[in-house]
C-alpha atoms as a PDB file:
ATOM      1  CA  MET A   1     -42.493  20.538 -18.923  1.00  0.00           C
ATOM      2  CA  GLY A   2     -44.636  22.047 -16.134  1.00  0.00           C
ATOM      3  CA  ASN A   3     -42.380  20.663 -13.488  1.00  0.00           C
ATOM      4  CA  ARG A   4     -39.417  22.706 -14.486  1.00  0.00           C
ATOM      5  CA  LYS A   5     -37.654  24.156 -11.499  1.00  0.00           C
ATOM      6  CA  LYS A   6     -36.836  27.868 -11.444  1.00  0.00           C
ATOM      7  CA  SER A   7     -33.238  28.966 -11.063  1.00  0.00           C
ATOM      8  CA  ALA A   8     -31.868  32.063  -9.403  1.00  0.00           C
ATOM      9  CA  GLY A   9     -34.361  34.925  -9.189  1.00  0.00           C
ATOM     10  CA  GLY A  10     -37.235  32.689 -10.312  1.00  0.00           C
ATOM     11  CA  HIS A  11     -36.125  32.716 -13.930  1.00  0.00           C
ATOM     12  CA  SER A  12     -35.766  29.523 -15.984  1.00  0.00           C
ATOM     13  CA  VAL A  13     -32.631  30.674 -17.886  1.00  0.00           C
ATOM     14  CA  VAL A  14     -29.875  28.159 -17.390  1.00  0.00           C
ATOM     15  CA  TYR A  15     -26.982  29.518 -19.392  1.00  0.00           C
ATOM     16  CA  SER A  16     -26.399  32.706 -21.531  1.00  0.00           C
ATOM     17  CA  THR A  17     -23.556  33.478 -23.907  1.00  0.00           C
ATOM     18  CA  ASP A  18     -23.962  37.123 -23.386  1.00  0.00           C
ATOM     19  CA  PRO A  19     -21.130  38.290 -21.085  1.00  0.00           C
ATOM     20  CA  ASP A  20     -23.219  41.294 -19.960  1.00  0.00           C
ATOM     21  CA  PHE A  21     -26.358  39.225 -19.044  1.00  0.00           C
ATOM     22  CA  SER A  22     -27.794  39.754 -15.585  1.00  0.00           C
ATOM     23  CA  TYR A  23     -31.182  38.889 -14.189  1.00  0.00           C
ATOM     24  CA  ASP A  24     -33.548  41.873 -13.914  1.00  0.00           C
ATOM     25  CA  GLN A  25     -34.171  41.960 -10.254  1.00  0.00           C
ATOM     26  CA  GLY A  26     -36.557  44.864 -10.385  1.00  0.00           C
ATOM     27  CA  GLU A  27     -38.143  46.290  -7.209  1.00  0.00           C
ATOM     28  CA  LEU A  28     -38.861  44.083  -4.236  1.00  0.00           C
ATOM     29  CA  GLN A  29     -42.579  43.607  -3.790  1.00  0.00           C
ATOM     30  CA  GLN A  30     -43.626  45.698  -0.852  1.00  0.00           C
ATOM     31  CA  THR A  31     -46.285  44.083   1.588  1.00  0.00           C
ATOM     32  CA  PRO A  32     -49.489  46.052   1.430  1.00  0.00           C
ATOM     33  CA  PRO A  33     -51.053  47.135   4.743  1.00  0.00           C
ATOM     34  CA  PRO A  34     -53.524  44.677   6.376  1.00  0.00           C
ATOM     35  CA  THR A  35     -56.545  46.721   5.264  1.00  0.00           C
ATOM     36  CA  GLU A  36     -55.636  45.983   1.637  1.00  0.00           C
ATOM     37  CA  GLN A  37     -55.197  42.199   2.255  1.00  0.00           C
ATOM     38  CA  ARG A  38     -57.996  39.839   1.355  1.00  0.00           C
ATOM     39  CA  LEU A  39     -57.257  36.482   3.118  1.00  0.00           C
ATOM     40  CA  ARG A  40     -59.149  33.285   2.956  1.00  0.00           C
ATOM     41  CA  THR A  41     -59.412  30.880   5.815  1.00  0.00           C
ATOM     42  CA  LEU A  42     -60.359  27.220   5.545  1.00  0.00           C
ATOM     43  CA  LEU A  43     -59.934  23.756   7.128  1.00  0.00           C
ATOM     44  CA  ASP A  44     -58.100  21.071   5.236  1.00  0.00           C
ATOM     45  CA  THR A  45     -57.162  17.378   5.777  1.00  0.00           C
ATOM     46  CA  LYS A  46     -55.774  16.510   2.330  1.00  0.00           C
ATOM     47  CA  HIS A  47     -52.342  14.766   2.429  1.00  0.00           C
ATOM     48  CA  ARG A  48     -52.170  14.941   6.220  1.00  0.00           C
ATOM     49  CA  LYS A  49     -53.276  11.462   7.189  1.00  0.00           C
ATOM     50  CA  GLY A  50     -56.674  12.692   8.304  1.00  0.00           C
ATOM     51  CA  LYS A  51     -55.396  15.393  10.647  1.00  0.00           C
ATOM     52  CA  ILE A  52     -57.007  18.817  10.542  1.00  0.00           C
ATOM     53  CA  VAL A  53     -55.196  21.954   9.756  1.00  0.00           C
ATOM     54  CA  THR A  54     -56.284  25.606   9.459  1.00  0.00           C
ATOM     55  CA  LEU A  55     -55.131  27.270   6.281  1.00  0.00           C
ATOM     56  CA  VAL A  56     -54.680  30.982   5.630  1.00  0.00           C
ATOM     57  CA  GLU A  57     -54.320  31.772   1.892  1.00  0.00           C
ATOM     58  CA  GLY A  58     -54.203  34.966  -0.209  1.00  0.00           C
ATOM     59  CA  PHE A  59     -51.454  36.818   1.529  1.00  0.00           C
ATOM     60  CA  THR A  60     -49.421  39.136  -0.803  1.00  0.00           C
ATOM     61  CA  GLY A  61     -46.116  40.592   0.130  1.00  0.00           C
ATOM     62  CA  GLN A  62     -42.604  39.596   1.209  1.00  0.00           C
ATOM     63  CA  LYS A  63     -41.799  36.114   2.503  1.00  0.00           C
ATOM     64  CA  GLU A  64     -40.552  37.678   5.836  1.00  0.00           C
ATOM     65  CA  ASP A  65     -43.839  39.333   6.550  1.00  0.00           C
ATOM     66  CA  LEU A  66     -45.773  36.054   5.697  1.00  0.00           C
ATOM     67  CA  GLU A  67     -43.499  34.175   8.270  1.00  0.00           C
ATOM     68  CA  THR A  68     -44.061  36.983  10.822  1.00  0.00           C
ATOM     69  CA  LEU A  69     -47.886  36.725  10.457  1.00  0.00           C
ATOM     70  CA  GLY A  70     -47.705  32.994  10.688  1.00  0.00           C
ATOM     71  CA  LYS A  71     -45.577  33.146  13.861  1.00  0.00           C
ATOM     72  CA  LYS A  72     -48.083  35.557  15.461  1.00  0.00           C
ATOM     73  CA  LEU A  73     -50.947  33.240  14.592  1.00  0.00           C
ATOM     74  CA  LYS A  74     -49.193  30.174  15.889  1.00  0.00           C
ATOM     75  CA  THR A  75     -48.342  31.858  19.161  1.00  0.00           C
ATOM     76  CA  ALA A  76     -51.888  33.168  19.642  1.00  0.00           C
ATOM     77  CA  CYS A  77     -53.380  29.762  18.925  1.00  0.00           C
ATOM     78  CA  GLY A  78     -50.759  27.915  21.062  1.00  0.00           C
ATOM     79  CA  THR A  79     -49.915  25.459  18.379  1.00  0.00           C
ATOM     80  CA  GLY A  80     -47.449  24.644  15.597  1.00  0.00           C
ATOM     81  CA  GLY A  81     -47.510  25.222  11.896  1.00  0.00           C
ATOM     82  CA  SER A  82     -45.636  26.744   9.025  1.00  0.00           C
ATOM     83  CA  ALA A  83     -45.699  29.588   6.522  1.00  0.00           C
ATOM     84  CA  LYS A  84     -44.609  28.638   3.059  1.00  0.00           C
ATOM     85  CA  GLU A  85     -45.567  29.127  -0.554  1.00  0.00           C
ATOM     86  CA  GLU A  86     -47.902  32.012   0.298  1.00  0.00           C
ATOM     87  CA  VAL A  87     -49.913  29.754   2.722  1.00  0.00           C
ATOM     88  CA  ILE A  88     -49.961  29.825   6.445  1.00  0.00           C
ATOM     89  CA  ILE A  89     -50.652  26.353   7.990  1.00  0.00           C
ATOM     90  CA  ILE A  90     -51.794  26.151  11.530  1.00  0.00           C
ATOM     91  CA  GLN A  91     -52.026  22.687  13.057  1.00  0.00           C
ATOM     92  CA  GLY A  92     -55.544  21.921  14.414  1.00  0.00           C
ATOM     93  CA  ASP A  93     -58.964  23.288  14.115  1.00  0.00           C
ATOM     94  CA  HIS A  94     -58.485  26.966  14.957  1.00  0.00           C
ATOM     95  CA  LEU A  95     -60.698  28.382  12.217  1.00  0.00           C
ATOM     96  CA  ARG A  96     -62.861  30.712  14.472  1.00  0.00           C
ATOM     97  CA  GLN A  97     -59.984  31.876  16.459  1.00  0.00           C
ATOM     98  CA  VAL A  98     -57.728  32.534  13.384  1.00  0.00           C
ATOM     99  CA  LYS A  99     -60.664  34.631  11.736  1.00  0.00           C
ATOM    100  CA  ASP A 100     -61.133  36.670  14.906  1.00  0.00           C
ATOM    101  CA  LEU A 101     -57.419  37.346  15.178  1.00  0.00           C
ATOM    102  CA  LEU A 102     -57.103  38.448  11.575  1.00  0.00           C
ATOM    103  CA  LYS A 103     -60.104  40.705  11.785  1.00  0.00           C
ATOM    104  CA  SER A 104     -58.786  42.300  14.983  1.00  0.00           C
ATOM    105  CA  TRP A 105     -55.491  42.955  13.274  1.00  0.00           C
ATOM    106  CA  GLY A 106     -57.239  44.626  10.426  1.00  0.00           C
ATOM    107  CA  TYR A 107     -57.136  42.016   7.643  1.00  0.00           C
ATOM    108  CA  GLY A 108     -60.001  41.547   5.291  1.00  0.00           C
ATOM    109  CA  LEU A 109     -61.515  38.157   4.941  1.00  0.00           C
ATOM    110  CA  LYS A 110     -63.115  36.493   1.987  1.00  0.00           C
END
């Protein structure tokens, strides 16, 4: 049961007989400023056929802001990667460079 996919809005309701039912969208989560973010950087090779990637975890906020930060890091490192599921993946061993960049942009590191 743990592999159940979420439907619209992240809820697992499939059908409702209530004609007035609607998902409670609530407020959109605002992205806190960099000084309030505590990011964790690490190297990883799991499920990547032995290739090293640099991971940045712990980002809280909107998906667009995560993708923007990921794009800035990829551009600064001159490499590819992705930003999904609250993790930024930078191809290659760029741990020192990513830490230095995040510190200079005001992010806190664990």
